[in-house]
PDB file of all heavy atoms in Angstrom:
ATOM      1  N   VAL A   1      24.932  -2.148  -0.088  1.00  0.00           N
ATOM      2  CA  VAL A   1      24.463  -1.392  -1.256  1.00  0.00           C
ATOM      3  C   VAL A   1      22.944  -1.561  -1.374  1.00  0.00           C
ATOM      4  O   VAL A   1      22.426  -2.682  -1.305  1.00  0.00           O
ATOM      5  CB  VAL A   1      25.145  -1.892  -2.549  1.00  0.00           C
ATOM      6  CG1 VAL A   1      24.569  -1.188  -3.780  1.00  0.00           C
ATOM      7  CG2 VAL A   1      26.649  -1.665  -2.468  1.00  0.00           C
ATOM      8  N   VAL A   2      22.226  -0.460  -1.527  1.00  0.00           N
ATOM      9  CA  VAL A   2      20.776  -0.510  -1.754  1.00  0.00           C
ATOM     10  C   VAL A   2      20.557  -0.691  -3.252  1.00  0.00           C
ATOM     11  O   VAL A   2      21.052   0.098  -4.065  1.00  0.00           O
ATOM     12  CB  VAL A   2      20.090   0.779  -1.255  1.00  0.00           C
ATOM     13  CG1 VAL A   2      18.592   0.739  -1.535  1.00  0.00           C
ATOM     14  CG2 VAL A   2      20.353   0.979   0.232  1.00  0.00           C
ATOM     15  N   LEU A   3      19.825  -1.731  -3.632  1.00  0.00           N
ATOM     16  CA  LEU A   3      19.687  -2.093  -5.044  1.00  0.00           C
ATOM     17  C   LEU A   3      18.246  -1.918  -5.512  1.00  0.00           C
ATOM     18  O   LEU A   3      17.331  -2.565  -5.016  1.00  0.00           O
ATOM     19  CB  LEU A   3      20.141  -3.539  -5.237  1.00  0.00           C
ATOM     20  CG  LEU A   3      20.338  -4.070  -6.649  1.00  0.00           C
ATOM     21  CD1 LEU A   3      21.272  -3.177  -7.470  1.00  0.00           C
ATOM     22  CD2 LEU A   3      20.911  -5.482  -6.614  1.00  0.00           C
ATOM     23  N   PHE A   4      18.061  -1.001  -6.466  1.00  0.00           N
ATOM     24  CA  PHE A   4      16.772  -0.807  -7.121  1.00  0.00           C
ATOM     25  C   PHE A   4      16.788  -1.514  -8.472  1.00  0.00           C
ATOM     26  O   PHE A   4      17.815  -1.530  -9.153  1.00  0.00           O
ATOM     27  CB  PHE A   4      16.494   0.682  -7.372  1.00  0.00           C
ATOM     28  CG  PHE A   4      16.207   1.479  -6.131  1.00  0.00           C
ATOM     29  CD1 PHE A   4      17.247   2.071  -5.421  1.00  0.00           C
ATOM     30  CD2 PHE A   4      14.909   1.656  -5.684  1.00  0.00           C
ATOM     31  CE1 PHE A   4      16.994   2.817  -4.279  1.00  0.00           C
ATOM     32  CE2 PHE A   4      14.648   2.406  -4.544  1.00  0.00           C
ATOM     33  CZ  PHE A   4      15.680   2.992  -3.841  1.00  0.00           C
ATOM     34  N   ALA A   5      15.657  -2.079  -8.868  1.00  0.00           N
ATOM     35  CA  ALA A   5      15.533  -2.704 -10.187  1.00  0.00           C
ATOM     36  C   ALA A   5      14.395  -2.016 -10.937  1.00  0.00           C
ATOM     37  O   ALA A   5      13.259  -1.999 -10.465  1.00  0.00           O
ATOM     38  CB  ALA A   5      15.249  -4.199 -10.051  1.00  0.00           C
ATOM     39  N   VAL A   6      14.716  -1.419 -12.080  1.00  0.00           N
ATOM     40  CA  VAL A   6      13.726  -0.693 -12.871  1.00  0.00           C
ATOM     41  C   VAL A   6      13.543  -1.427 -14.198  1.00  0.00           C
ATOM     42  O   VAL A   6      14.477  -1.554 -14.986  1.00  0.00           O
ATOM     43  CB  VAL A   6      14.165   0.772 -13.111  1.00  0.00           C
ATOM     44  CG1 VAL A   6      13.104   1.521 -13.921  1.00  0.00           C
ATOM     45  CG2 VAL A   6      14.409   1.484 -11.783  1.00  0.00           C
ATOM     46  N   GLY A   7      12.328  -1.930 -14.429  1.00  0.00           N
ATOM     47  CA  GLY A   7      12.043  -2.737 -15.608  1.00  0.00           C
ATOM     48  C   GLY A   7      11.812  -1.897 -16.845  1.00  0.00           C
ATOM     49  O   GLY A   7      11.203  -0.825 -16.787  1.00  0.00           O
ATOM     50  N   LEU A   8      12.306  -2.388 -17.988  1.00  0.00           N
ATOM     51  CA  LEU A   8      12.151  -1.711 -19.276  1.00  0.00           C
ATOM     52  C   LEU A   8      11.363  -2.590 -20.239  1.00  0.00           C
ATOM     53  O   LEU A   8      11.484  -3.812 -20.221  1.00  0.00           O
ATOM     54  CB  LEU A   8      13.525  -1.430 -19.892  1.00  0.00           C
ATOM     55  CG  LEU A   8      14.440  -0.489 -19.103  1.00  0.00           C
ATOM     56  CD1 LEU A   8      15.871  -0.596 -19.613  1.00  0.00           C
ATOM     57  CD2 LEU A   8      13.957   0.950 -19.218  1.00  0.00           C
ATOM     58  N   ARG A   9      10.567  -1.950 -21.061  1.00  0.00           N
ATOM     59  CA  ARG A   9       9.813  -2.599 -22.134  1.00  0.00           C
ATOM     60  C   ARG A   9       8.911  -3.715 -21.607  1.00  0.00           C
ATOM     61  O   ARG A   9       7.924  -3.447 -20.968  1.00  0.00           O
ATOM     62  CB  ARG A   9      10.754  -3.084 -23.244  1.00  0.00           C
ATOM     63  CG  ARG A   9      10.025  -3.359 -24.551  1.00  0.00           C
ATOM     64  CD  ARG A   9      10.953  -3.314 -25.744  1.00  0.00           C
ATOM     65  NE  ARG A   9      10.305  -3.743 -26.958  1.00  0.00           N
ATOM     66  CZ  ARG A   9       9.447  -3.025 -27.668  1.00  0.00           C
ATOM     67  NH1 ARG A   9       9.130  -1.818 -27.283  1.00  0.00           N
ATOM     68  NH2 ARG A   9       8.907  -3.502 -28.770  1.00  0.00           N
ATOM     69  N   TYR A  10       9.222  -4.988 -21.847  1.00  0.00           N
ATOM     70  CA  TYR A  10       8.424  -6.102 -21.333  1.00  0.00           C
ATOM     71  C   TYR A  10       9.297  -6.883 -20.359  1.00  0.00           C
ATOM     72  O   TYR A  10       9.902  -7.888 -20.720  1.00  0.00           O
ATOM     73  CB  TYR A  10       7.948  -7.015 -22.474  1.00  0.00           C
ATOM     74  CG  TYR A  10       7.184  -6.276 -23.544  1.00  0.00           C
ATOM     75  CD1 TYR A  10       7.700  -6.148 -24.831  1.00  0.00           C
ATOM     76  CD2 TYR A  10       5.965  -5.676 -23.257  1.00  0.00           C
ATOM     77  CE1 TYR A  10       7.006  -5.455 -25.814  1.00  0.00           C
ATOM     78  CE2 TYR A  10       5.262  -4.978 -24.228  1.00  0.00           C
ATOM     79  CZ  TYR A  10       5.786  -4.871 -25.505  1.00  0.00           C
ATOM     80  OH  TYR A  10       5.097  -4.175 -26.460  1.00  0.00           O
ATOM     81  N   PRO A  11       9.382  -6.426 -19.118  1.00  0.00           N
ATOM     82  CA  PRO A  11      10.394  -6.976 -18.215  1.00  0.00           C
ATOM     83  C   PRO A  11      10.053  -8.377 -17.704  1.00  0.00           C
ATOM     84  O   PRO A  11       8.893  -8.774 -17.633  1.00  0.00           O
ATOM     85  CB  PRO A  11      10.420  -5.980 -17.054  1.00  0.00           C
ATOM     86  CG  PRO A  11       9.247  -5.114 -17.205  1.00  0.00           C
ATOM     87  CD  PRO A  11       8.609  -5.352 -18.524  1.00  0.00           C
ATOM     88  N   LYS A  12      11.092  -9.088 -17.327  1.00  0.00           N
ATOM     89  CA  LYS A  12      10.946 -10.367 -16.641  1.00  0.00           C
ATOM     90  C   LYS A  12      10.977 -10.050 -15.140  1.00  0.00           C
ATOM     91  O   LYS A  12      12.038  -9.918 -14.537  1.00  0.00           O
ATOM     92  CB  LYS A  12      12.088 -11.306 -17.029  1.00  0.00           C
ATOM     93  CG  LYS A  12      11.934 -12.714 -16.496  1.00  0.00           C
ATOM     94  CD  LYS A  12      13.071 -13.593 -16.991  1.00  0.00           C
ATOM     95  CE  LYS A  12      12.949 -15.001 -16.417  1.00  0.00           C
ATOM     96  NZ  LYS A  12      14.096 -15.837 -16.830  1.00  0.00           N
ATOM     97  N   TRP A  13       9.785  -9.900 -14.562  1.00  0.00           N
ATOM     98  CA  TRP A  13       9.675  -9.394 -13.200  1.00  0.00           C
ATOM     99  C   TRP A  13      10.315 -10.321 -12.176  1.00  0.00           C
ATOM    100  O   TRP A  13      10.860  -9.860 -11.170  1.00  0.00           O
ATOM    101  CB  TRP A  13       8.206  -9.144 -12.843  1.00  0.00           C
ATOM    102  CG  TRP A  13       7.606  -8.016 -13.611  1.00  0.00           C
ATOM    103  CD1 TRP A  13       6.647  -8.087 -14.576  1.00  0.00           C
ATOM    104  CD2 TRP A  13       7.945  -6.628 -13.503  1.00  0.00           C
ATOM    105  NE1 TRP A  13       6.370  -6.832 -15.075  1.00  0.00           N
ATOM    106  CE2 TRP A  13       7.142  -5.926 -14.435  1.00  0.00           C
ATOM    107  CE3 TRP A  13       8.851  -5.909 -12.709  1.00  0.00           C
ATOM    108  CZ2 TRP A  13       7.217  -4.545 -14.596  1.00  0.00           C
ATOM    109  CZ3 TRP A  13       8.921  -4.534 -12.859  1.00  0.00           C
ATOM    110  CH2 TRP A  13       8.113  -3.866 -13.805  1.00  0.00           C
ATOM    111  N   GLU A  14      10.270 -11.648 -12.420  1.00  0.00           N
ATOM    112  CA  GLU A  14      10.840 -12.581 -11.441  1.00  0.00           C
ATOM    113  C   GLU A  14      12.317 -12.278 -11.189  1.00  0.00           C
ATOM    114  O   GLU A  14      12.789 -12.298 -10.048  1.00  0.00           O
ATOM    115  CB  GLU A  14      10.706 -14.038 -11.932  1.00  0.00           C
ATOM    116  CG  GLU A  14       9.279 -14.497 -12.150  1.00  0.00           C
ATOM    117  CD  GLU A  14       8.750 -14.148 -13.544  1.00  0.00           C
ATOM    118  OE1 GLU A  14       9.513 -13.549 -14.346  1.00  0.00           O
ATOM    119  OE2 GLU A  14       7.573 -14.433 -13.813  1.00  0.00           O
ATOM    120  N   GLU A  15      13.042 -11.990 -12.274  1.00  0.00           N
ATOM    121  CA  GLU A  15      14.467 -11.699 -12.125  1.00  0.00           C
ATOM    122  C   GLU A  15      14.689 -10.374 -11.413  1.00  0.00           C
ATOM    123  O   GLU A  15      15.547 -10.269 -10.529  1.00  0.00           O
ATOM    124  CB  GLU A  15      15.150 -11.669 -13.493  1.00  0.00           C
ATOM    125  CG  GLU A  15      16.646 -11.427 -13.398  1.00  0.00           C
ATOM    126  CD  GLU A  15      17.354 -11.505 -14.740  1.00  0.00           C
ATOM    127  OE1 GLU A  15      17.217 -12.546 -15.417  1.00  0.00           O
ATOM    128  OE2 GLU A  15      18.020 -10.527 -15.108  1.00  0.00           O
ATOM    129  N   LEU A  16      13.905  -9.355 -11.768  1.00  0.00           N
ATOM    130  CA  LEU A  16      14.071  -8.042 -11.138  1.00  0.00           C
ATOM    131  C   LEU A  16      13.748  -8.118  -9.648  1.00  0.00           C
ATOM    132  O   LEU A  16      14.403  -7.477  -8.823  1.00  0.00           O
ATOM    133  CB  LEU A  16      13.194  -7.005 -11.842  1.00  0.00           C
ATOM    134  CG  LEU A  16      13.559  -6.738 -13.315  1.00  0.00           C
ATOM    135  CD1 LEU A  16      12.608  -5.727 -13.926  1.00  0.00           C
ATOM    136  CD2 LEU A  16      14.997  -6.242 -13.445  1.00  0.00           C
ATOM    137  N   HIS A  17      12.729  -8.920  -9.286  1.00  0.00           N
ATOM    138  CA  HIS A  17      12.389  -9.097  -7.871  1.00  0.00           C
ATOM    139  C   HIS A  17      13.523  -9.797  -7.123  1.00  0.00           C
ATOM    140  O   HIS A  17      13.793  -9.481  -5.956  1.00  0.00           O
ATOM    141  CB  HIS A  17      11.096  -9.912  -7.738  1.00  0.00           C
ATOM    142  CG  HIS A  17       9.876  -9.138  -8.115  1.00  0.00           C
ATOM    143  ND1 HIS A  17       8.682  -9.731  -8.426  1.00  0.00           N
ATOM    144  CD2 HIS A  17       9.667  -7.801  -8.250  1.00  0.00           C
ATOM    145  CE1 HIS A  17       7.777  -8.806  -8.727  1.00  0.00           C
ATOM    146  NE2 HIS A  17       8.364  -7.627  -8.628  1.00  0.00           N
ATOM    147  N   ALA A  18      14.183 -10.743  -7.790  1.00  0.00           N
ATOM    148  CA  ALA A  18      15.294 -11.476  -7.151  1.00  0.00           C
ATOM    149  C   ALA A  18      16.503 -10.573  -6.914  1.00  0.00           C
ATOM    150  O   ALA A  18      17.299 -10.807  -6.008  1.00  0.00           O
ATOM    151  CB  ALA A  18      15.686 -12.679  -8.015  1.00  0.00           C
ATOM    152  N   LEU A  19      16.639  -9.514  -7.745  1.00  0.00           N
ATOM    153  CA  LEU A  19      17.789  -8.616  -7.640  1.00  0.00           C
ATOM    154  C   LEU A  19      17.606  -7.524  -6.585  1.00  0.00           C
ATOM    155  O   LEU A  19      18.552  -7.140  -5.913  1.00  0.00           O
ATOM    156  CB  LEU A  19      18.033  -7.933  -8.988  1.00  0.00           C
ATOM    157  CG  LEU A  19      18.525  -8.790 -10.145  1.00  0.00           C
ATOM    158  CD1 LEU A  19      18.470  -7.995 -11.441  1.00  0.00           C
ATOM    159  CD2 LEU A  19      19.944  -9.258  -9.884  1.00  0.00           C
ATOM    160  N   ALA A  20      16.393  -7.004  -6.462  1.00  0.00           N
ATOM    161  CA  ALA A  20      16.159  -5.767  -5.706  1.00  0.00           C
ATOM    162  C   ALA A  20      16.226  -5.967  -4.199  1.00  0.00           C
ATOM    163  O   ALA A  20      16.045  -7.069  -3.679  1.00  0.00           O
ATOM    164  CB  ALA A  20      14.797  -5.188  -6.088  1.00  0.00           C
ATOM    165  N   SER A  21      16.481  -4.858  -3.502  1.00  0.00           N
ATOM    166  CA  SER A  21      16.442  -4.848  -2.041  1.00  0.00           C
ATOM    167  C   SER A  21      15.004  -4.970  -1.555  1.00  0.00           C
ATOM    168  O   SER A  21      14.053  -4.695  -2.295  1.00  0.00           O
ATOM    169  CB  SER A  21      17.059  -3.546  -1.509  1.00  0.00           C
ATOM    170  OG  SER A  21      18.424  -3.455  -1.848  1.00  0.00           O
ATOM    171  N   GLU A  22      14.852  -5.360  -0.304  1.00  0.00           N
ATOM    172  CA  GLU A  22      13.535  -5.434   0.332  1.00  0.00           C
ATOM    173  C   GLU A  22      13.185  -4.081   0.954  1.00  0.00           C
ATOM    174  O   GLU A  22      14.083  -3.354   1.366  1.00  0.00           O
ATOM    175  CB  GLU A  22      13.540  -6.518   1.417  1.00  0.00           C
ATOM    176  CG  GLU A  22      13.782  -7.923   0.895  1.00  0.00           C
ATOM    177  CD  GLU A  22      12.547  -8.548   0.264  1.00  0.00           C
ATOM    178  OE1 GLU A  22      11.452  -7.961   0.392  1.00  0.00           O
ATOM    179  OE2 GLU A  22      12.688  -9.609  -0.352  1.00  0.00           O
ATOM    180  N   PRO A  23      11.904  -3.703   1.076  1.00  0.00           N
ATOM    181  CA  PRO A  23      10.729  -4.386   0.532  1.00  0.00           C
ATOM    182  C   PRO A  23      10.628  -4.167  -0.976  1.00  0.00           C
ATOM    183  O   PRO A  23      10.921  -3.063  -1.463  1.00  0.00           O
ATOM    184  CB  PRO A  23       9.558  -3.741   1.281  1.00  0.00           C
ATOM    185  CG  PRO A  23      10.055  -2.365   1.619  1.00  0.00           C
ATOM    186  CD  PRO A  23      11.535  -2.488   1.844  1.00  0.00           C
ATOM    187  N   LEU A  24      10.199  -5.181  -1.714  1.00  0.00           N
ATOM    188  CA  LEU A  24      10.209  -5.124  -3.175  1.00  0.00           C
ATOM    189  C   LEU A  24       9.333  -4.007  -3.725  1.00  0.00           C
ATOM    190  O   LEU A  24       9.670  -3.379  -4.726  1.00  0.00           O
ATOM    191  CB  LEU A  24       9.763  -6.479  -3.751  1.00  0.00           C
ATOM    192  CG  LEU A  24      10.700  -7.665  -3.470  1.00  0.00           C
ATOM    193  CD1 LEU A  24      10.142  -8.928  -4.071  1.00  0.00           C
ATOM    194  CD2 LEU A  24      12.104  -7.389  -3.991  1.00  0.00           C
ATOM    195  N   GLU A  25       8.182  -3.741  -3.069  1.00  0.00           N
ATOM    196  CA  GLU A  25       7.276  -2.709  -3.603  1.00  0.00           C
ATOM    197  C   GLU A  25       7.893  -1.317  -3.575  1.00  0.00           C
ATOM    198  O   GLU A  25       7.437  -0.410  -4.280  1.00  0.00           O
ATOM    199  CB  GLU A  25       5.934  -2.702  -2.854  1.00  0.00           C
ATOM    200  CG  GLU A  25       6.012  -2.386  -1.382  1.00  0.00           C
ATOM    201  CD  GLU A  25       6.204  -3.622  -0.510  1.00  0.00           C
ATOM    202  OE1 GLU A  25       6.610  -4.688  -1.032  1.00  0.00           O
ATOM    203  OE2 GLU A  25       5.955  -3.508   0.705  1.00  0.00           O
TER     204      GLU A  25
END
């Protein structure tokens, strides 16, 4: 599964980076 993480409001980026597929950018 390809996993994208889209941050809302004031996101906690560390967690979203840990969730998403590579490359993170």
